[in-house]
Amino acid sequence: METFEEFIARNGTDQDMQSLTESFLSQVRAEVLLIGKRVDDLEGKIQAENDLARKIDLLAKQKKWASFLSICILAIQMKDISILRRIRKR
């Protein structure tokens, strides 16, 4: 996911900060939908997996994505990008 600073650099600084923030949050909203799909897809893989070690790995990955998704949704609802700045980029 692109950081807000990268978003500003890519979109230029000729816009006011409010419109840049709204555009960035709109982009985050779209990425949240993709992450939600990834979490759902992992659920299917977890159900189908027979190997316990692999199932545990998939559950850990699903938990990581679900936590990230929750933080992104919180930032969108609060319209506060500072929440997203606290997330380590992975």
PDB file of N, CA and C in Angstrom:
ATOM      1  N   MET A   1       0.849  -1.168   0.000  1.00  0.00           N
ATOM      2  CA  MET A   1       0.000   0.000   0.000  1.00  0.00           C
ATOM      3  C   MET A   1       0.897   1.234   0.000  1.00  0.00           C
ATOM      4  N   GLU A   2       0.531   2.176  -0.800  1.00  0.00           N
ATOM      5  CA  GLU A   2       1.276   3.418  -0.934  1.00  0.00           C
ATOM      6  C   GLU A   2       1.093   4.290   0.312  1.00  0.00           C
ATOM      7  N   THR A   3       2.174   4.924   0.763  1.00  0.00           N
ATOM      8  CA  THR A   3       2.054   5.844   1.891  1.00  0.00           C
ATOM      9  C   THR A   3       1.491   7.173   1.409  1.00  0.00           C
ATOM     10  N   PHE A   4       1.045   7.983   2.347  1.00  0.00           N
ATOM     11  CA  PHE A   4       0.485   9.286   1.994  1.00  0.00           C
ATOM     12  C   PHE A   4       1.546  10.169   1.340  1.00  0.00           C
ATOM     13  N   GLU A   5       2.768  10.099   1.829  1.00  0.00           N
ATOM     14  CA  GLU A   5       3.850  10.893   1.254  1.00  0.00           C
ATOM     15  C   GLU A   5       4.124  10.480  -0.186  1.00  0.00           C
ATOM     16  N   GLU A   6       4.111   9.177  -0.456  1.00  0.00           N
ATOM     17  CA  GLU A   6       4.290   8.691  -1.828  1.00  0.00           C
ATOM     18  C   GLU A   6       3.129   9.132  -2.708  1.00  0.00           C
ATOM     19  N   PHE A   7       1.925   9.117  -2.153  1.00  0.00           N
ATOM     20  CA  PHE A   7       0.737   9.551  -2.887  1.00  0.00           C
ATOM     21  C   PHE A   7       0.863  11.021  -3.280  1.00  0.00           C
ATOM     22  N   ILE A   8       1.314  11.860  -2.348  1.00  0.00           N
ATOM     23  CA  ILE A   8       1.488  13.288  -2.634  1.00  0.00           C
ATOM     24  C   ILE A   8       2.554  13.481  -3.710  1.00  0.00           C
ATOM     25  N   ALA A   9       3.657  12.761  -3.598  1.00  0.00           N
ATOM     26  CA  ALA A   9       4.729  12.888  -4.588  1.00  0.00           C
ATOM     27  C   ALA A   9       4.249  12.484  -5.979  1.00  0.00           C
ATOM     28  N   ARG A  10       3.430  11.453  -6.054  1.00  0.00           N
ATOM     29  CA  ARG A  10       2.934  10.975  -7.340  1.00  0.00           C
ATOM     30  C   ARG A  10       1.872  11.900  -7.925  1.00  0.00           C
ATOM     31  N   ASN A  11       1.041  12.486  -7.082  1.00  0.00           N
ATOM     32  CA  ASN A  11      -0.076  13.302  -7.557  1.00  0.00           C
ATOM     33  C   ASN A  11       0.221  14.796  -7.561  1.00  0.00           C
ATOM     34  N   GLY A  12       1.392  15.173  -7.161  1.00  0.00           N
ATOM     35  CA  GLY A  12       1.759  16.582  -7.180  1.00  0.00           C
ATOM     36  C   GLY A  12       1.252  17.306  -5.949  1.00  0.00           C
ATOM     37  N   THR A  13       1.843  18.443  -5.714  1.00  0.00           N
ATOM     38  CA  THR A  13       1.480  19.227  -4.539  1.00  0.00           C
ATOM     39  C   THR A  13       0.648  20.440  -4.901  1.00  0.00           C
ATOM     40  N   ASP A  14       0.119  20.482  -6.133  1.00  0.00           N
ATOM     41  CA  ASP A  14      -0.678  21.630  -6.550  1.00  0.00           C
ATOM     42  C   ASP A  14      -2.092  21.608  -5.974  1.00  0.00           C
ATOM     43  N   GLN A  15      -2.509  20.486  -5.389  1.00  0.00           N
ATOM     44  CA  GLN A  15      -3.835  20.386  -4.778  1.00  0.00           C
ATOM     45  C   GLN A  15      -3.745  20.761  -3.296  1.00  0.00           C
ATOM     46  N   ASP A  16      -4.881  21.174  -2.747  1.00  0.00           N
ATOM     47  CA  ASP A  16      -4.880  21.472  -1.316  1.00  0.00           C
ATOM     48  C   ASP A  16      -4.854  20.165  -0.519  1.00  0.00           C
ATOM     49  N   MET A  17      -4.443  20.260   0.719  1.00  0.00           N
ATOM     50  CA  MET A  17      -4.246  19.079   1.564  1.00  0.00           C
ATOM     51  C   MET A  17      -5.549  18.315   1.787  1.00  0.00           C
ATOM     52  N   GLN A  18      -6.671  19.024   1.898  1.00  0.00           N
ATOM     53  CA  GLN A  18      -7.961  18.366   2.124  1.00  0.00           C
ATOM     54  C   GLN A  18      -8.327  17.460   0.949  1.00  0.00           C
ATOM     55  N   SER A  19      -8.181  17.951  -0.275  1.00  0.00           N
ATOM     56  CA  SER A  19      -8.538  17.123  -1.431  1.00  0.00           C
ATOM     57  C   SER A  19      -7.550  15.974  -1.607  1.00  0.00           C
ATOM     58  N   LEU A  20      -6.278  16.197  -1.286  1.00  0.00           N
ATOM     59  CA  LEU A  20      -5.307  15.104  -1.336  1.00  0.00           C
ATOM     60  C   LEU A  20      -5.650  14.022  -0.315  1.00  0.00           C
ATOM     61  N   THR A  21      -6.043  14.443   0.872  1.00  0.00           N
ATOM     62  CA  THR A  21      -6.421  13.486   1.914  1.00  0.00           C
ATOM     63  C   THR A  21      -7.633  12.672   1.484  1.00  0.00           C
ATOM     64  N   GLU A  22      -8.650  13.337   0.931  1.00  0.00           N
ATOM     65  CA  GLU A  22      -9.850  12.633   0.479  1.00  0.00           C
ATOM     66  C   GLU A  22      -9.533  11.662  -0.653  1.00  0.00           C
ATOM     67  N   SER A  23      -8.675  12.080  -1.580  1.00  0.00           N
ATOM     68  CA  SER A  23      -8.284  11.195  -2.679  1.00  0.00           C
ATOM     69  C   SER A  23      -7.520   9.984  -2.161  1.00  0.00           C
ATOM     70  N   PHE A  24      -6.642  10.226  -1.205  1.00  0.00           N
ATOM     71  CA  PHE A  24      -5.865   9.130  -0.631  1.00  0.00           C
ATOM     72  C   PHE A  24      -6.778   8.138   0.088  1.00  0.00           C
ATOM     73  N   LEU A  25      -7.713   8.652   0.880  1.00  0.00           N
ATOM     74  CA  LEU A  25      -8.640   7.760   1.591  1.00  0.00           C
ATOM     75  C   LEU A  25      -9.511   6.982   0.620  1.00  0.00           C
ATOM     76  N   SER A  26      -9.851   7.589  -0.501  1.00  0.00           N
ATOM     77  CA  SER A  26     -10.615   6.885  -1.528  1.00  0.00           C
ATOM     78  C   SER A  26      -9.796   5.725  -2.092  1.00  0.00           C
ATOM     79  N   GLN A  27      -8.519   5.963  -2.304  1.00  0.00           N
ATOM     80  CA  GLN A  27      -7.633   4.907  -2.785  1.00  0.00           C
ATOM     81  C   GLN A  27      -7.514   3.796  -1.741  1.00  0.00           C
ATOM     82  N   VAL A  28      -7.415   4.167  -0.476  1.00  0.00           N
ATOM     83  CA  VAL A  28      -7.326   3.177   0.602  1.00  0.00           C
ATOM     84  C   VAL A  28      -8.604   2.342   0.645  1.00  0.00           C
ATOM     85  N   ARG A  29      -9.757   2.988   0.450  1.00  0.00           N
ATOM     86  CA  ARG A  29     -11.035   2.268   0.415  1.00  0.00           C
ATOM     87  C   ARG A  29     -11.008   1.163  -0.635  1.00  0.00           C
ATOM     88  N   ALA A  30     -10.497   1.492  -1.820  1.00  0.00           N
ATOM     89  CA  ALA A  30     -10.418   0.500  -2.896  1.00  0.00           C
ATOM     90  C   ALA A  30      -9.481  -0.645  -2.514  1.00  0.00           C
ATOM     91  N   GLU A  31      -8.373  -0.318  -1.885  1.00  0.00           N
ATOM     92  CA  GLU A  31      -7.435  -1.358  -1.466  1.00  0.00           C
ATOM     93  C   GLU A  31      -8.013  -2.215  -0.345  1.00  0.00           C
ATOM     94  N   VAL A  32      -8.849  -1.629   0.500  1.00  0.00           N
ATOM     95  CA  VAL A  32      -9.509  -2.384   1.570  1.00  0.00           C
ATOM     96  C   VAL A  32     -10.396  -3.471   0.969  1.00  0.00           C
ATOM     97  N   LEU A  33     -11.074  -3.159  -0.107  1.00  0.00           N
ATOM     98  CA  LEU A  33     -11.908  -4.165  -0.769  1.00  0.00           C
ATOM     99  C   LEU A  33     -11.059  -5.335  -1.263  1.00  0.00           C
ATOM    100  N   LEU A  34      -9.893  -5.026  -1.822  1.00  0.00           N
ATOM    101  CA  LEU A  34      -8.999  -6.086  -2.296  1.00  0.00           C
ATOM    102  C   LEU A  34      -8.455  -6.920  -1.136  1.00  0.00           C
ATOM    103  N   ILE A  35      -8.116  -6.264  -0.048  1.00  0.00           N
ATOM    104  CA  ILE A  35      -7.610  -6.983   1.126  1.00  0.00           C
ATOM    105  C   ILE A  35      -8.706  -7.869   1.710  1.00  0.00           C
ATOM    106  N   GLY A  36      -9.939  -7.362   1.749  1.00  0.00           N
ATOM    107  CA  GLY A  36     -11.067  -8.161   2.227  1.00  0.00           C
ATOM    108  C   GLY A  36     -11.248  -9.422   1.403  1.00  0.00           C
ATOM    109  N   LYS A  37     -11.069  -9.295   0.100  1.00  0.00           N
ATOM    110  CA  LYS A  37     -11.167 -10.458  -0.791  1.00  0.00           C
ATOM    111  C   LYS A  37     -10.048 -11.449  -0.474  1.00  0.00           C
ATOM    112  N   ARG A  38      -8.854 -10.933  -0.199  1.00  0.00           N
ATOM    113  CA  ARG A  38      -7.725 -11.803   0.131  1.00  0.00           C
ATOM    114  C   ARG A  38      -7.993 -12.579   1.424  1.00  0.00           C
ATOM    115  N   VAL A  39      -8.571 -11.908   2.416  1.00  0.00           N
ATOM    116  CA  VAL A  39      -8.901 -12.570   3.687  1.00  0.00           C
ATOM    117  C   VAL A  39      -9.946 -13.660   3.452  1.00  0.00           C
ATOM    118  N   ASP A  40     -10.944 -13.366   2.631  1.00  0.00           N
ATOM    119  CA  ASP A  40     -11.966 -14.368   2.311  1.00  0.00           C
ATOM    120  C   ASP A  40     -11.369 -15.564   1.570  1.00  0.00           C
ATOM    121  N   ASP A  41     -10.466 -15.299   0.629  1.00  0.00           N
ATOM    122  CA  ASP A  41      -9.820 -16.382  -0.114  1.00  0.00           C
ATOM    123  C   ASP A  41      -8.996 -17.275   0.812  1.00  0.00           C
ATOM    124  N   LEU A  42      -8.343 -16.663   1.782  1.00  0.00           N
ATOM    125  CA  LEU A  42      -7.564 -17.452   2.736  1.00  0.00           C
ATOM    126  C   LEU A  42      -8.459 -18.374   3.553  1.00  0.00           C
ATOM    127  N   GLU A  43      -9.667 -17.926   3.852  1.00  0.00           N
ATOM    128  CA  GLU A  43     -10.604 -18.768   4.613  1.00  0.00           C
ATOM    129  C   GLU A  43     -10.880 -20.068   3.864  1.00  0.00           C
ATOM    130  N   GLY A  44     -11.085 -19.962   2.563  1.00  0.00           N
ATOM    131  CA  GLY A  44     -11.316 -21.158   1.755  1.00  0.00           C
ATOM    132  C   GLY A  44     -10.115 -22.086   1.739  1.00  0.00           C
ATOM    133  N   LYS A  45      -8.926 -21.509   1.642  1.00  0.00           N
ATOM    134  CA  LYS A  45      -7.709 -22.319   1.641  1.00  0.00           C
ATOM    135  C   LYS A  45      -7.513 -23.005   2.989  1.00  0.00           C
ATOM    136  N   ILE A  46      -7.838 -22.305   4.061  1.00  0.00           N
ATOM    137  CA  ILE A  46      -7.692 -22.876   5.404  1.00  0.00           C
ATOM    138  C   ILE A  46      -8.629 -24.067   5.567  1.00  0.00           C
ATOM    139  N   GLN A  47      -9.858 -23.917   5.121  1.00  0.00           N
ATOM    140  CA  GLN A  47     -10.839 -25.001   5.235  1.00  0.00           C
ATOM    141  C   GLN A  47     -10.415 -26.229   4.431  1.00  0.00           C
ATOM    142  N   ALA A  48      -9.785 -26.000   3.272  1.00  0.00           N
ATOM    143  CA  ALA A  48      -9.412 -27.109   2.393  1.00  0.00           C
ATOM    144  C   ALA A  48      -8.083 -27.763   2.780  1.00  0.00           C
ATOM    145  N   GLU A  49      -7.281 -27.097   3.579  1.00  0.00           N
ATOM    146  CA  GLU A  49      -5.942 -27.597   3.913  1.00  0.00           C
ATOM    147  C   GLU A  49      -6.015 -28.762   4.902  1.00  0.00           C
ATOM    148  N   ASN A  50      -5.225 -29.796   4.628  1.00  0.00           N
ATOM    149  CA  ASN A  50      -5.165 -30.965   5.509  1.00  0.00           C
ATOM    150  C   ASN A  50      -3.921 -30.964   6.391  1.00  0.00           C
ATOM    151  N   ASP A  51      -2.845 -30.350   5.913  1.00  0.00           N
ATOM    152  CA  ASP A  51      -1.589 -30.302   6.657  1.00  0.00           C
ATOM    153  C   ASP A  51      -1.712 -29.273   7.779  1.00  0.00           C
ATOM    154  N   LEU A  52      -1.529 -29.718   9.018  1.00  0.00           N
ATOM    155  CA  LEU A  52      -1.724 -28.844  10.177  1.00  0.00           C
ATOM    156  C   LEU A  52      -0.748 -27.664  10.194  1.00  0.00           C
ATOM    157  N   ALA A  53       0.511 -27.908   9.860  1.00  0.00           N
ATOM    158  CA  ALA A  53       1.502 -26.821   9.860  1.00  0.00           C
ATOM    159  C   ALA A  53       1.135 -25.757   8.828  1.00  0.00           C
ATOM    160  N   ARG A  54       0.729 -26.189   7.666  1.00  0.00           N
ATOM    161  CA  ARG A  54       0.323 -25.245   6.604  1.00  0.00           C
ATOM    162  C   ARG A  54      -0.934 -24.487   7.019  1.00  0.00           C
ATOM    163  N   LYS A  55      -1.853 -25.179   7.683  1.00  0.00           N
ATOM    164  CA  LYS A  55      -3.086 -24.536   8.148  1.00  0.00           C
ATOM    165  C   LYS A  55      -2.769 -23.438   9.168  1.00  0.00           C
ATOM    166  N   ILE A  56      -1.828 -23.715  10.065  1.00  0.00           N
ATOM    167  CA  ILE A  56      -1.417 -22.719  11.062  1.00  0.00           C
ATOM    168  C   ILE A  56      -0.791 -21.508  10.379  1.00  0.00           C
ATOM    169  N   ASP A  57       0.052 -21.748   9.371  1.00  0.00           N
ATOM    170  CA  ASP A  57       0.658 -20.640   8.622  1.00  0.00           C
ATOM    171  C   ASP A  57      -0.409 -19.787   7.939  1.00  0.00           C
ATOM    172  N   LEU A  58      -1.387 -20.430   7.343  1.00  0.00           N
ATOM    173  CA  LEU A  58      -2.466 -19.696   6.669  1.00  0.00           C
ATOM    174  C   LEU A  58      -3.304 -18.897   7.665  1.00  0.00           C
ATOM    175  N   LEU A  59      -3.552 -19.481   8.840  1.00  0.00           N
ATOM    176  CA  LEU A  59      -4.299 -18.757   9.875  1.00  0.00           C
ATOM    177  C   LEU A  59      -3.540 -17.517  10.346  1.00  0.00           C
ATOM    178  N   ALA A  60      -2.223 -17.644  10.500  1.00  0.00           N
ATOM    179  CA  ALA A  60      -1.405 -16.496  10.909  1.00  0.00           C
ATOM    180  C   ALA A  60      -1.442 -15.405   9.849  1.00  0.00           C
ATOM    181  N   LYS A  61      -1.351 -15.808   8.592  1.00  0.00           N
ATOM    182  CA  LYS A  61      -1.403 -14.839   7.500  1.00  0.00           C
ATOM    183  C   LYS A  61      -2.767 -14.157   7.453  1.00  0.00           C
ATOM    184  N   GLN A  62      -3.830 -14.938   7.657  1.00  0.00           N
ATOM    185  CA  GLN A  62      -5.178 -14.369   7.653  1.00  0.00           C
ATOM    186  C   GLN A  62      -5.351 -13.375   8.802  1.00  0.00           C
ATOM    187  N   LYS A  63      -4.815 -13.717   9.961  1.00  0.00           N
ATOM    188  CA  LYS A  63      -4.912 -12.821  11.118  1.00  0.00           C
ATOM    189  C   LYS A  63      -4.192 -11.509  10.844  1.00  0.00           C
ATOM    190  N   LYS A  64      -3.015 -11.584  10.225  1.00  0.00           N
ATOM    191  CA  LYS A  64      -2.246 -10.381   9.894  1.00  0.00           C
ATOM    192  C   LYS A  64      -3.039  -9.480   8.946  1.00  0.00           C
ATOM    193  N   TRP A  65      -3.615 -10.063   7.892  1.00  0.00           N
ATOM    194  CA  TRP A  65      -4.394  -9.274   6.928  1.00  0.00           C
ATOM    195  C   TRP A  65      -5.658  -8.712   7.560  1.00  0.00           C
ATOM    196  N   ALA A  66      -6.303  -9.488   8.421  1.00  0.00           N
ATOM    197  CA  ALA A  66      -7.525  -9.008   9.080  1.00  0.00           C
ATOM    198  C   ALA A  66      -7.219  -7.834  10.009  1.00  0.00           C
ATOM    199  N   SER A  67      -6.099  -7.889  10.709  1.00  0.00           N
ATOM    200  CA  SER A  67      -5.697  -6.775  11.580  1.00  0.00           C
ATOM    201  C   SER A  67      -5.408  -5.529  10.761  1.00  0.00           C
ATOM    202  N   PHE A  68      -4.685  -5.691   9.678  1.00  0.00           N
ATOM    203  CA  PHE A  68      -4.373  -4.578   8.790  1.00  0.00           C
ATOM    204  C   PHE A  68      -5.655  -3.973   8.219  1.00  0.00           C
ATOM    205  N   LEU A  69      -6.571  -4.838   7.842  1.00  0.00           N
ATOM    206  CA  LEU A  69      -7.860  -4.404   7.301  1.00  0.00           C
ATOM    207  C   LEU A  69      -8.637  -3.593   8.331  1.00  0.00           C
ATOM    208  N   SER A  70      -8.643  -4.039   9.565  1.00  0.00           N
ATOM    209  CA  SER A  70      -9.352  -3.318  10.631  1.00  0.00           C
ATOM    210  C   SER A  70      -8.791  -1.915  10.832  1.00  0.00           C
ATOM    211  N   ILE A  71      -7.473  -1.796  10.802  1.00  0.00           N
ATOM    212  CA  ILE A  71      -6.846  -0.487  10.977  1.00  0.00           C
ATOM    213  C   ILE A  71      -7.182   0.432   9.812  1.00  0.00           C
ATOM    214  N   CYS A  72      -7.147  -0.097   8.608  1.00  0.00           N
ATOM    215  CA  CYS A  72      -7.490   0.716   7.431  1.00  0.00           C
ATOM    216  C   CYS A  72      -8.938   1.189   7.491  1.00  0.00           C
ATOM    217  N   ILE A  73      -9.843   0.318   7.872  1.00  0.00           N
ATOM    218  CA  ILE A  73     -11.258   0.692   7.976  1.00  0.00           C
ATOM    219  C   ILE A  73     -11.439   1.768   9.040  1.00  0.00           C
ATOM    220  N   LEU A  74     -10.747   1.631  10.159  1.00  0.00           N
ATOM    221  CA  LEU A  74     -10.808   2.641  11.214  1.00  0.00           C
ATOM    222  C   LEU A  74     -10.329   3.996  10.691  1.00  0.00           C
ATOM    223  N   ALA A  75      -9.220   4.003   9.968  1.00  0.00           N
ATOM    224  CA  ALA A  75      -8.686   5.257   9.415  1.00  0.00           C
ATOM    225  C   ALA A  75      -9.665   5.890   8.434  1.00  0.00           C
ATOM    226  N   ILE A  76     -10.316   5.074   7.622  1.00  0.00           N
ATOM    227  CA  ILE A  76     -11.288   5.596   6.654  1.00  0.00           C
ATOM    228  C   ILE A  76     -12.484   6.193   7.378  1.00  0.00           C
ATOM    229  N   GLN A  77     -13.012   5.476   8.357  1.00  0.00           N
ATOM    230  CA  GLN A  77     -14.187   5.965   9.075  1.00  0.00           C
ATOM    231  C   GLN A  77     -13.892   7.243   9.844  1.00  0.00           C
ATOM    232  N   MET A  78     -12.686   7.339  10.402  1.00  0.00           N
ATOM    233  CA  MET A  78     -12.316   8.533  11.161  1.00  0.00           C
ATOM    234  C   MET A  78     -11.778   9.639  10.257  1.00  0.00           C
ATOM    235  N   LYS A  79     -11.544   9.301   8.980  1.00  0.00           N
ATOM    236  CA  LYS A  79     -10.948  10.235   8.013  1.00  0.00           C
ATOM    237  C   LYS A  79      -9.650  10.810   8.565  1.00  0.00           C
ATOM    238  N   ASP A  80      -8.825   9.903   9.084  1.00  0.00           N
ATOM    239  CA  ASP A  80      -7.579  10.293   9.736  1.00  0.00           C
ATOM    240  C   ASP A  80      -6.429   9.462   9.180  1.00  0.00           C
ATOM    241  N   ILE A  81      -5.621  10.073   8.329  1.00  0.00           N
ATOM    242  CA  ILE A  81      -4.519   9.329   7.724  1.00  0.00           C
ATOM    243  C   ILE A  81      -3.356   9.114   8.683  1.00  0.00           C
ATOM    244  N   SER A  82      -3.339   9.838   9.800  1.00  0.00           N
ATOM    245  CA  SER A  82      -2.241   9.640  10.756  1.00  0.00           C
ATOM    246  C   SER A  82      -2.257   8.215  11.313  1.00  0.00           C
ATOM    247  N   ILE A  83      -3.427   7.602  11.346  1.00  0.00           N
ATOM    248  CA  ILE A  83      -3.521   6.202  11.785  1.00  0.00           C
ATOM    249  C   ILE A  83      -2.748   5.312  10.820  1.00  0.00           C
ATOM    250  N   LEU A  84      -2.886   5.595   9.528  1.00  0.00           N
ATOM    251  CA  LEU A  84      -2.198   4.788   8.526  1.00  0.00           C
ATOM    252  C   LEU A  84      -0.687   4.996   8.568  1.00  0.00           C
ATOM    253  N   ARG A  85      -0.247   6.157   8.999  1.00  0.00           N
ATOM    254  CA  ARG A  85       1.192   6.423   9.075  1.00  0.00           C
ATOM    255  C   ARG A  85       1.862   5.557  10.130  1.00  0.00           C
ATOM    256  N   ARG A  86       1.108   5.087  11.087  1.00  0.00           N
ATOM    257  CA  ARG A  86       1.678   4.277  12.171  1.00  0.00           C
ATOM    258  C   ARG A  86       1.873   2.819  11.779  1.00  0.00           C
ATOM    259  N   ILE A  87       1.283   2.443  10.680  1.00  0.00           N
ATOM    260  CA  ILE A  87       1.418   1.064  10.220  1.00  0.00           C
ATOM    261  C   ILE A  87       2.764   0.917   9.520  1.00  0.00           C
ATOM    262  N   ARG A  88       3.497  -0.105   9.888  1.00  0.00           N
ATOM    263  CA  ARG A  88       4.758  -0.355   9.195  1.00  0.00           C
ATOM    264  C   ARG A  88       4.465  -0.801   7.777  1.00  0.00           C
ATOM    265  N   LYS A  89       5.211  -0.253   6.829  1.00  0.00           N
ATOM    266  CA  LYS A  89       5.037  -0.659   5.435  1.00  0.00           C
ATOM    267  C   LYS A  89       5.662  -2.036   5.248  1.00  0.00           C
ATOM    268  N   ARG A  90       4.885  -2.932   4.634  1.00  0.00           N
ATOM    269  CA  ARG A  90       5.377  -4.296   4.412  1.00  0.00           C
ATOM    270  C   ARG A  90       5.365  -4.607   2.954  1.00  0.00           C
TER     271      ARG A  90
END
